[in-house]
Amino acid sequence: MTVTPTMTQFCHQTWQLESCVQLLLKQGSVTYIVTESTPFHPVSHIWPDHPADRGEIVISGESFNVDDCQVGAVELKTNNLFIGEDIPVKRDEAGWAFVVVHCIDNLSQTIEVNDRVSLVVDKAYQQSLSRGHSAGHLAYLALNKVLAAGYWRKDADRKDPHGHFDFNSYAQVTSFVTEDKCNDVYRLGKTIRKRGLNSAQMLEDLPEIESKVNEQLVAWLEHDTDVTMTCDGETLTSSRYWSCDLGEGSIATIPCGGTHVVSLSEFTTIKVTLVQTDGQNIEMQTDVIHSI
């Protein structure tokens, strides 16, 4: 059969669905399964900040753990599947279909293309990642706002959705979401100092900045605002946007391919900790206490 791009449902609060198998690949003990649609979120091979979902695939009434879930690309003229870092093309390349690849270790059940299977995401685990990811967005917007109040010597070209200097965009080195947590590493090097950040003063005032960021998060959570995900399409490579009205005069809209909460009411507390790790790097750990 001709493989089509995976129809994704991980932004739709969908944790279980049935779908037909499009492609199978067995390598060693691992079977890679591509279905027409899926509720599973795969880890990105380009920016792996959000882990893969966990869950099960039910085949002929028997359940098998999904040990990993990755991005794949199928060359349509050959039906060859490339997974993760082995993908040789950019997304939406003509003649290629980008797919979600479910990885099953030691699959003991017979399965064939066109078989119908049930895909079941571990809802609690996905929701813990969603809280961590949304909290990470809120934390960096709060950090941007606090720094914009007095730590830039000149106007910066990049602004965040609230119109503040986008420290996060300039300085972020890595970002990793885990269960009810997000950890961001920022580099305060020569480049960002040239752009106008007073990094020396920032490091000196780090405890005060941390306190102000946490105060801002408390204020924002009092809104209990909805969080929405807008998708330009239903396939894996379609652009997706996180949006939330935090009462800042403009709605915060951020391009993001992860899973997220549907309301700020899902949080009881979001707490940020800022730590200087060396002369040029800081870490921001964002921890969540949730209400449901």
Protein backbone atom coordinates (compact mmCIF):
# COMPACT_ATOMS: atom_id res chain seq x y z
CA MET A 1 0.00 0.00 0.00
CA THR A 2 1.04 3.63 -0.47
CA VAL A 3 2.12 5.08 2.85
CA THR A 4 0.47 8.38 3.83
CA PRO A 5 1.64 10.85 6.46
CA THR A 6 0.48 9.90 9.95
CA MET A 7 -2.65 11.69 11.12
CA THR A 8 -1.82 12.84 14.64
CA GLN A 9 -4.22 13.22 17.57
CA PHE A 10 -1.86 14.05 20.44
CA CYS A 11 -2.98 17.70 20.47
CA HIS A 12 -6.65 16.73 20.72
CA GLN A 13 -6.83 15.22 24.21
CA THR A 14 -7.23 11.81 22.57
CA TRP A 15 -5.59 8.87 24.30
CA GLN A 16 -7.00 5.87 22.44
CA LEU A 17 -8.03 5.08 18.87
CA GLU A 18 -8.07 2.30 16.30
CA SER A 19 -6.11 2.51 13.08
CA CYS A 20 -4.80 0.39 10.21
CA VAL A 21 -1.17 -0.64 9.93
CA GLN A 22 0.57 0.98 6.95
CA LEU A 23 4.14 -0.25 7.29
CA LEU A 24 6.11 -2.78 9.32
CA LEU A 25 9.86 -3.08 9.81
CA LYS A 26 11.66 -5.58 12.01
CA GLN A 27 15.26 -4.97 13.06
CA GLY A 28 16.69 -7.38 15.60
CA SER A 29 14.24 -7.74 18.46
CA VAL A 30 12.40 -4.50 17.67
CA THR A 31 9.34 -4.21 15.43
CA TYR A 32 8.57 -0.75 14.05
CA ILE A 33 4.87 -0.15 13.36
CA VAL A 34 3.46 2.75 11.34
CA THR A 35 -0.32 3.29 11.43
CA GLU A 36 -2.57 5.67 9.50
CA SER A 37 -3.32 7.68 12.65
CA THR A 38 -2.11 7.72 16.25
CA PRO A 39 -2.65 9.39 19.64
CA PHE A 40 1.06 8.92 20.46
CA HIS A 41 3.46 11.86 20.56
CA PRO A 42 6.90 10.89 19.19
CA VAL A 43 10.18 12.37 20.35
CA SER A 44 11.52 14.83 17.78
CA HIS A 45 14.80 13.98 16.06
CA ILE A 46 15.51 17.70 15.57
CA TRP A 47 14.68 19.26 18.96
CA PRO A 48 14.15 16.38 21.44
CA ASP A 49 12.83 18.50 24.28
CA HIS A 50 9.61 16.51 24.78
CA PRO A 51 9.91 12.75 25.45
CA ALA A 52 7.95 10.11 23.58
CA ASP A 53 4.64 8.96 24.95
CA ARG A 54 4.28 5.60 26.63
CA GLY A 55 1.44 3.17 26.15
CA GLU A 56 0.31 0.00 24.43
CA ILE A 57 -0.69 -1.38 21.07
CA VAL A 58 -3.42 -4.01 21.16
CA ILE A 59 -3.07 -6.61 18.40
CA SER A 60 -5.73 -9.32 18.10
CA GLY A 61 -6.73 -8.73 21.71
CA GLU A 62 -3.19 -8.93 23.09
CA SER A 63 -1.43 -5.84 24.50
CA PHE A 64 2.20 -4.95 23.83
CA ASN A 65 4.16 -2.10 25.39
CA VAL A 66 5.22 0.77 23.15
CA ASP A 67 8.84 1.01 24.31
CA ASP A 68 9.60 4.12 22.27
CA CYS A 69 7.88 6.36 19.74
CA GLN A 70 9.93 8.21 17.13
CA VAL A 71 9.61 10.33 14.02
CA GLY A 72 10.10 8.44 10.78
CA ALA A 73 10.21 9.32 7.10
CA VAL A 74 9.20 6.95 4.29
CA GLU A 75 10.66 7.30 0.80
CA LEU A 76 7.52 6.66 -1.24
CA LYS A 77 9.16 5.26 -4.35
CA THR A 78 10.89 2.52 -2.33
CA ASN A 79 8.78 2.31 0.85
CA ASN A 80 12.04 2.47 2.82
CA LEU A 81 11.60 3.72 6.37
CA PHE A 82 14.19 6.00 7.99
CA ILE A 83 13.92 6.64 11.72
CA GLY A 84 15.09 9.50 13.93
CA GLU A 85 18.56 10.79 13.21
CA ASP A 86 18.78 8.58 10.11
CA ILE A 87 16.15 10.69 8.32
CA PRO A 88 17.99 12.20 5.31
CA VAL A 89 15.47 14.88 4.29
CA LYS A 90 13.71 17.90 5.73
CA ARG A 91 10.02 17.74 6.56
CA ASP A 92 7.52 18.02 3.68
CA GLU A 93 10.14 16.94 1.15
CA ALA A 94 8.40 15.87 -2.08
CA GLY A 95 8.23 12.10 -2.44
CA TRP A 96 8.43 11.47 1.30
CA ALA A 97 5.86 10.82 4.03
CA PHE A 98 6.64 11.73 7.63
CA VAL A 99 5.20 9.22 10.07
CA VAL A 100 5.00 8.26 13.74
CA VAL A 101 6.92 5.05 14.43
CA HIS A 102 5.78 2.88 17.35
CA CYS A 103 8.63 0.68 18.63
CA ILE A 104 7.77 -2.72 20.11
CA ASP A 105 10.41 -5.00 21.61
CA ASN A 106 9.99 -8.78 21.32
CA LEU A 107 6.62 -8.69 19.57
CA SER A 108 5.22 -12.21 19.79
CA GLN A 109 1.99 -11.63 17.87
CA THR A 110 1.71 -11.95 14.10
CA ILE A 111 0.85 -8.65 12.45
CA GLU A 112 0.51 -7.61 8.82
CA VAL A 113 -0.05 -4.46 6.80
CA ASN A 114 -3.75 -3.45 6.75
CA ASP A 115 -4.40 -5.10 10.13
CA ARG A 116 -6.44 -2.94 12.46
CA VAL A 117 -4.90 -2.27 15.86
CA SER A 118 -5.81 -0.26 18.94
CA LEU A 119 -3.34 2.36 20.18
CA VAL A 120 -3.60 3.33 23.85
CA VAL A 121 -1.52 6.14 25.33
CA ASP A 122 -0.57 6.20 29.02
CA LYS A 123 -2.80 9.18 29.80
CA ALA A 124 -1.35 9.98 33.23
CA TYR A 125 2.20 10.03 31.89
CA GLN A 126 1.30 12.18 28.88
CA GLN A 127 -0.54 14.64 31.11
CA SER A 128 2.48 14.92 33.43
CA LEU A 129 4.63 15.85 30.42
CA SER A 130 1.95 18.27 29.23
CA ARG A 131 2.02 20.06 32.57
CA GLY A 132 5.80 20.22 32.50
CA HIS A 133 5.85 21.58 28.96
CA SER A 134 3.18 24.24 29.49
CA ALA A 135 4.84 25.29 32.75
CA GLY A 136 8.11 25.70 30.84
CA HIS A 137 6.43 28.09 28.42
CA LEU A 138 4.93 30.12 31.28
CA ALA A 139 8.26 30.22 33.11
CA TYR A 140 10.24 31.58 30.20
CA LEU A 141 7.60 34.20 29.42
CA ALA A 142 7.79 35.31 33.06
CA LEU A 143 11.60 35.38 32.95
CA ASN A 144 11.51 37.45 29.75
CA LYS A 145 9.18 39.94 31.42
CA VAL A 146 11.30 40.31 34.55
CA LEU A 147 14.52 40.80 32.57
CA ALA A 148 12.86 43.31 30.24
CA ALA A 149 12.21 45.56 33.24
CA GLY A 150 15.85 46.60 33.61
CA TYR A 151 18.48 44.18 32.34
CA TRP A 152 18.78 45.25 28.68
CA ARG A 153 20.95 48.23 27.74
CA LYS A 154 19.47 48.59 24.27
CA ASP A 155 16.52 47.44 22.20
CA ALA A 156 16.68 43.80 21.15
CA ASP A 157 15.41 42.76 17.72
CA ARG A 158 13.55 39.68 18.97
CA LYS A 159 10.43 40.12 21.05
CA ASP A 160 8.33 37.47 22.71
CA PRO A 161 4.53 37.25 22.28
CA HIS A 162 4.04 39.88 24.99
CA GLY A 163 6.45 42.31 23.34
CA HIS A 164 9.29 41.75 25.81
CA PHE A 165 12.91 41.20 24.79
CA ASP A 166 13.12 37.49 24.05
CA PHE A 167 15.90 36.38 26.37
CA ASN A 168 14.71 32.78 26.00
CA SER A 169 15.10 32.81 22.23
CA TYR A 170 18.54 34.42 22.37
CA ALA A 171 20.09 32.43 25.21
CA GLN A 172 18.42 29.01 25.38
CA VAL A 173 20.86 26.15 24.78
CA THR A 174 18.71 23.18 25.75
CA SER A 175 15.24 22.50 27.09
CA PHE A 176 14.06 19.16 28.47
CA VAL A 177 10.61 18.26 29.69
CA THR A 178 10.09 15.47 32.22
CA GLU A 179 7.15 14.54 34.44
CA ASP A 180 5.87 17.80 35.96
CA LYS A 181 9.20 19.47 35.29
CA CYS A 182 11.03 21.49 32.67
CA ASN A 183 14.74 22.24 32.71
CA ASP A 184 16.20 25.02 30.55
CA VAL A 185 19.86 25.89 30.16
CA TYR A 186 20.81 29.44 29.11
CA ARG A 187 24.18 30.71 27.96
CA LEU A 188 25.13 34.28 28.88
CA GLY A 189 27.99 34.60 26.44
CA LYS A 190 29.56 37.37 24.42
CA THR A 191 26.87 37.31 21.73
CA ILE A 192 23.96 38.12 24.04
CA ARG A 193 26.01 40.76 25.84
CA LYS A 194 26.60 42.46 22.47
CA ARG A 195 22.85 42.37 21.89
CA GLY A 196 22.42 44.43 25.04
CA LEU A 197 21.87 42.09 28.00
CA ASN A 198 23.59 43.18 31.19
CA SER A 199 24.51 39.61 32.10
CA ALA A 200 26.82 40.55 34.99
CA GLN A 201 24.01 42.41 36.74
CA MET A 202 21.64 39.55 35.94
CA LEU A 203 23.92 37.01 37.63
CA GLU A 204 24.37 39.29 40.64
CA ASP A 205 20.60 39.66 41.00
CA LEU A 206 19.69 36.02 40.26
CA PRO A 207 17.90 35.36 43.60
CA GLU A 208 15.82 38.52 43.19
CA ILE A 209 15.01 37.63 39.57
CA GLU A 210 13.92 34.14 40.66
CA SER A 211 11.60 35.66 43.27
CA LYS A 212 10.03 38.04 40.76
CA VAL A 213 9.51 35.26 38.19
CA ASN A 214 7.70 33.18 40.80
CA GLU A 215 5.55 36.16 41.80
CA GLN A 216 4.59 36.62 38.16
CA LEU A 217 3.66 32.95 37.81
CA VAL A 218 1.41 33.17 40.87
CA ALA A 219 -0.37 36.17 39.32
CA TRP A 220 -0.85 34.43 35.97
CA LEU A 221 -2.21 31.23 37.50
CA GLU A 222 -4.93 33.23 39.24
CA HIS A 223 -6.52 33.75 35.81
CA ASP A 224 -7.42 30.03 35.38
CA THR A 225 -7.26 30.73 31.65
CA ASP A 226 -7.75 28.10 28.95
CA VAL A 227 -4.75 26.89 26.98
CA THR A 228 -5.45 26.11 23.35
CA MET A 229 -3.54 24.23 20.67
CA THR A 230 -4.13 25.36 17.10
CA CYS A 231 -3.05 23.04 14.29
CA ASP A 232 -2.53 24.08 10.67
CA GLY A 233 -3.23 20.48 9.67
CA GLU A 234 -3.54 16.96 11.05
CA THR A 235 -0.21 15.48 9.95
CA LEU A 236 3.00 15.19 11.93
CA THR A 237 4.71 18.03 10.04
CA SER A 238 1.78 20.45 10.35
CA SER A 239 2.58 23.56 12.37
CA ARG A 240 1.05 23.69 15.85
CA TYR A 241 0.69 26.66 18.19
CA TRP A 242 0.27 26.96 21.97
CA SER A 243 -1.88 29.94 23.03
CA CYS A 244 -2.90 31.42 26.37
CA ASP A 245 -4.28 34.80 27.43
CA LEU A 246 -2.28 35.81 30.51
CA GLY A 247 -3.77 39.27 30.79
CA GLU A 248 -0.72 40.97 29.28
CA GLY A 249 -2.61 42.86 26.55
CA SER A 250 -1.89 40.30 23.84
CA ILE A 251 -2.43 36.56 23.73
CA ALA A 252 0.76 34.56 24.06
CA THR A 253 1.06 32.31 21.00
CA ILE A 254 4.12 30.07 20.67
CA PRO A 255 4.95 27.57 17.91
CA CYS A 256 5.21 24.20 19.66
CA GLY A 257 4.81 20.57 18.69
CA GLY A 258 4.44 19.11 22.18
CA THR A 259 1.42 18.13 24.26
CA HIS A 260 -0.04 20.60 26.74
CA VAL A 261 -2.62 21.29 29.42
CA VAL A 262 -6.03 22.64 28.45
CA SER A 263 -6.30 25.16 31.32
CA LEU A 264 -4.14 26.93 33.88
CA SER A 265 -6.55 25.53 36.47
CA GLU A 266 -4.64 22.25 36.15
CA PHE A 267 -1.80 23.88 38.09
CA THR A 268 -1.76 24.50 41.82
CA THR A 269 1.76 25.92 41.83
CA ILE A 270 4.56 26.49 39.36
CA LYS A 271 7.91 27.20 40.98
CA VAL A 272 11.07 28.30 39.21
CA THR A 273 14.59 27.84 40.54
CA LEU A 274 17.47 29.71 38.89
CA VAL A 275 21.00 28.40 39.42
CA GLN A 276 24.29 29.70 38.04
CA THR A 277 26.29 26.65 36.91
CA ASP A 278 29.43 28.48 35.79
CA GLY A 279 30.57 31.90 34.59
CA GLN A 280 28.41 31.88 31.49
CA ASN A 281 25.54 29.45 32.09
CA ILE A 282 22.44 29.30 34.22
CA GLU A 283 19.77 26.64 34.62
CA MET A 284 16.09 27.30 35.15
CA GLN A 285 14.24 24.38 36.70
CA THR A 286 10.48 24.65 36.61
CA ASP A 287 8.53 22.39 38.98
CA VAL A 288 4.80 21.77 38.94
CA ILE A 289 2.31 20.95 41.65
CA HIS A 290 -0.94 20.08 39.90
CA SER A 291 -4.51 20.27 41.07
CA ILE A 292 -6.00 17.20 39.37
